[in-house]
Amino acid sequence: MLNDTEVKRIIEAITEYRELVQQSSEMRDQLDSLQKRWNSLKQERDGLRNNVDKIHQTMSQLKVDYQAVMKSMTDLASTEDTVLDNVKFLVDELSSLLKKHDVAI
């Protein structure tokens, strides 16, 4: 037979065990919640990373397109200069030719 002190200690141990089981259950729930939140944040991060990669690709393409436009503008300016020089030359040649034949301009 158990005496009163031993019974009290057994009851205290059972009560303490119940509290530990309850705390363990609460911690497990918190851990599950944190794990779900972590997975959600991870998915959000992955989505943001994909968006940043797309923005980077777009910016790279814009840079290439800008360089192509600048080259075209430079080429066009060069062509305009060449055309103007050729027109001036032709006007000078025509003027010279007309002066030789005494034709008034």
C-alpha atoms as a PDB file:
ATOM      1  CA  MET A   1       0.000   0.000   0.000  1.00  0.00           C
ATOM      2  CA  LEU A   2       1.186   3.543  -0.819  1.00  0.00           C
ATOM      3  CA  ASN A   3       1.297   6.260   1.756  1.00  0.00           C
ATOM      4  CA  ASP A   4      -0.146   9.754   1.267  1.00  0.00           C
ATOM      5  CA  THR A   5       3.188  11.351   0.291  1.00  0.00           C
ATOM      6  CA  GLU A   6       3.798   8.783  -2.419  1.00  0.00           C
ATOM      7  CA  VAL A   7       0.268   9.199  -3.776  1.00  0.00           C
ATOM      8  CA  LYS A   8       0.726  12.989  -3.837  1.00  0.00           C
ATOM      9  CA  ARG A   9       4.018  12.620  -5.693  1.00  0.00           C
ATOM     10  CA  ILE A  10       2.414  10.282  -8.230  1.00  0.00           C
ATOM     11  CA  ILE A  11      -0.459  12.730  -8.754  1.00  0.00           C
ATOM     12  CA  GLU A  12       2.010  15.622  -9.133  1.00  0.00           C
ATOM     13  CA  ALA A  13       4.041  13.586 -11.627  1.00  0.00           C
ATOM     14  CA  ILE A  14       0.906  12.746 -13.625  1.00  0.00           C
ATOM     15  CA  THR A  15      -0.139  16.429 -13.579  1.00  0.00           C
ATOM     16  CA  GLU A  16       3.340  17.492 -14.659  1.00  0.00           C
ATOM     17  CA  TYR A  17       3.297  14.860 -17.421  1.00  0.00           C
ATOM     18  CA  ARG A  18      -0.078  16.148 -18.681  1.00  0.00           C
ATOM     19  CA  GLU A  19       1.311  19.706 -18.736  1.00  0.00           C
ATOM     20  CA  LEU A  20       4.358  18.531 -20.686  1.00  0.00           C
ATOM     21  CA  VAL A  21       2.152  16.678 -23.175  1.00  0.00           C
ATOM     22  CA  GLN A  22       0.002  19.810 -23.570  1.00  0.00           C
ATOM     23  CA  GLN A  23       3.095  22.000 -24.074  1.00  0.00           C
ATOM     24  CA  SER A  24       4.478  19.503 -26.550  1.00  0.00           C
ATOM     25  CA  SER A  25       1.210  19.538 -28.483  1.00  0.00           C
ATOM     26  CA  GLU A  26       1.180  23.362 -28.524  1.00  0.00           C
ATOM     27  CA  MET A  27       4.795  23.470 -29.673  1.00  0.00           C
ATOM     28  CA  ARG A  28       4.037  20.946 -32.403  1.00  0.00           C
ATOM     29  CA  ASP A  29       1.124  23.118 -33.571  1.00  0.00           C
ATOM     30  CA  GLN A  30       3.362  26.190 -33.533  1.00  0.00           C
ATOM     31  CA  LEU A  31       6.003  24.314 -35.473  1.00  0.00           C
ATOM     32  CA  ASP A  32       3.447  23.238 -38.070  1.00  0.00           C
ATOM     33  CA  SER A  33       2.233  26.822 -38.363  1.00  0.00           C
ATOM     34  CA  LEU A  34       5.785  28.111 -38.739  1.00  0.00           C
ATOM     35  CA  GLN A  35       6.545  25.465 -41.345  1.00  0.00           C
ATOM     36  CA  LYS A  36       3.461  26.458 -43.360  1.00  0.00           C
ATOM     37  CA  ARG A  37       4.457  30.128 -43.103  1.00  0.00           C
ATOM     38  CA  TRP A  38       8.016  29.265 -44.161  1.00  0.00           C
ATOM     39  CA  ASN A  39       6.757  27.382 -47.215  1.00  0.00           C
ATOM     40  CA  SER A  40       4.462  30.283 -48.088  1.00  0.00           C
ATOM     41  CA  LEU A  41       7.340  32.777 -47.805  1.00  0.00           C
ATOM     42  CA  LYS A  42       9.555  30.470 -49.856  1.00  0.00           C
ATOM     43  CA  GLN A  43       6.953  30.319 -52.636  1.00  0.00           C
ATOM     44  CA  GLU A  44       6.559  34.095 -52.502  1.00  0.00           C
ATOM     45  CA  ARG A  45      10.330  34.526 -52.701  1.00  0.00           C
ATOM     46  CA  ASP A  46      10.510  32.180 -55.687  1.00  0.00           C
ATOM     47  CA  GLY A  47       7.763  34.158 -57.418  1.00  0.00           C
ATOM     48  CA  LEU A  48       9.573  37.413 -56.758  1.00  0.00           C
ATOM     49  CA  ARG A  49      12.826  35.917 -57.988  1.00  0.00           C
ATOM     50  CA  ASN A  50      11.122  34.856 -61.234  1.00  0.00           C
ATOM     51  CA  ASN A  51       9.695  38.362 -61.658  1.00  0.00           C
ATOM     52  CA  VAL A  52      13.126  39.918 -61.078  1.00  0.00           C
ATOM     53  CA  ASP A  53      14.628  37.526 -63.642  1.00  0.00           C
ATOM     54  CA  LYS A  54      11.964  38.555 -66.175  1.00  0.00           C
ATOM     55  CA  ILE A  55      12.626  42.234 -65.465  1.00  0.00           C
ATOM     56  CA  HIS A  56      16.352  41.640 -65.908  1.00  0.00           C
ATOM     57  CA  GLN A  57      15.746  39.892 -69.233  1.00  0.00           C
ATOM     58  CA  THR A  58      13.488  42.726 -70.368  1.00  0.00           C
ATOM     59  CA  MET A  59      16.082  45.322 -69.383  1.00  0.00           C
ATOM     60  CA  SER A  60      18.793  43.390 -71.213  1.00  0.00           C
ATOM     61  CA  GLN A  61      16.624  43.267 -74.330  1.00  0.00           C
ATOM     62  CA  LEU A  62      15.877  46.987 -73.986  1.00  0.00           C
ATOM     63  CA  LYS A  63      19.607  47.670 -73.816  1.00  0.00           C
ATOM     64  CA  VAL A  64      20.191  45.655 -76.999  1.00  0.00           C
ATOM     65  CA  ASP A  65      17.264  47.406 -78.714  1.00  0.00           C
ATOM     66  CA  TYR A  66      18.523  50.826 -77.592  1.00  0.00           C
ATOM     67  CA  GLN A  67      21.996  50.085 -78.938  1.00  0.00           C
ATOM     68  CA  ALA A  68      20.476  48.985 -82.257  1.00  0.00           C
ATOM     69  CA  VAL A  69      18.400  52.186 -82.452  1.00  0.00           C
ATOM     70  CA  MET A  70      21.457  54.309 -81.672  1.00  0.00           C
ATOM     71  CA  LYS A  71      23.441  52.503 -84.378  1.00  0.00           C
ATOM     72  CA  SER A  72      20.600  53.047 -86.839  1.00  0.00           C
ATOM     73  CA  MET A  73      20.465  56.739 -85.936  1.00  0.00           C
ATOM     74  CA  THR A  74      24.225  57.036 -86.378  1.00  0.00           C
ATOM     75  CA  ASP A  75      24.029  55.220 -89.712  1.00  0.00           C
ATOM     76  CA  LEU A  76      21.136  57.446 -90.784  1.00  0.00           C
ATOM     77  CA  ALA A  77      23.025  60.597 -89.810  1.00  0.00           C
ATOM     78  CA  SER A  78      26.041  59.350 -91.745  1.00  0.00           C
ATOM     79  CA  THR A  79      23.852  58.589 -94.768  1.00  0.00           C
ATOM     80  CA  GLU A  80      22.257  62.048 -94.563  1.00  0.00           C
ATOM     81  CA  ASP A  81      25.703  63.643 -94.506  1.00  0.00           C
ATOM     82  CA  THR A  82      26.770  61.583 -97.512  1.00  0.00           C
ATOM     83  CA  VAL A  83      23.583  62.459 -99.416  1.00  0.00           C
ATOM     84  CA  LEU A  84      24.013  66.166 -98.622  1.00  0.00           C
ATOM     85  CA  ASP A  85      27.642  66.060 -99.746  1.00  0.00           C
ATOM     86  CA  ASN A  86      26.600  64.314-102.984  1.00  0.00           C
ATOM     87  CA  VAL A  87      23.796  66.832-103.605  1.00  0.00           C
ATOM     88  CA  LYS A  88      26.231  69.732-103.008  1.00  0.00           C
ATOM     89  CA  PHE A  89      28.699  68.144-105.390  1.00  0.00           C
ATOM     90  CA  LEU A  90      25.981  67.667-108.030  1.00  0.00           C
ATOM     91  CA  VAL A  91      24.756  71.254-107.598  1.00  0.00           C
ATOM     92  CA  ASP A  92      28.329  72.527-107.946  1.00  0.00           C
ATOM     93  CA  GLU A  93      28.890  70.354-111.010  1.00  0.00           C
ATOM     94  CA  LEU A  94      25.605  71.480-112.542  1.00  0.00           C
ATOM     95  CA  SER A  95      26.410  75.127-111.812  1.00  0.00           C
ATOM     96  CA  SER A  96      29.837  74.725-113.336  1.00  0.00           C
ATOM     97  CA  LEU A  97      28.385  73.033-116.396  1.00  0.00           C
ATOM     98  CA  LEU A  98      25.742  75.709-116.822  1.00  0.00           C
ATOM     99  CA  LYS A  99      28.338  78.477-116.483  1.00  0.00           C
ATOM    100  CA  LYS A 100      30.356  76.845-119.246  1.00  0.00           C
ATOM    101  CA  HIS A 101      27.349  77.016-121.559  1.00  0.00           C
ATOM    102  CA  ASP A 102      26.415  80.523-120.391  1.00  0.00           C
ATOM    103  CA  VAL A 103      23.061  79.487-119.088  1.00  0.00           C
ATOM    104  CA  ALA A 104      21.687  81.681-116.314  1.00  0.00           C
ATOM    105  CA  ILE A 105      20.511  79.963-113.201  1.00  0.00           C
END
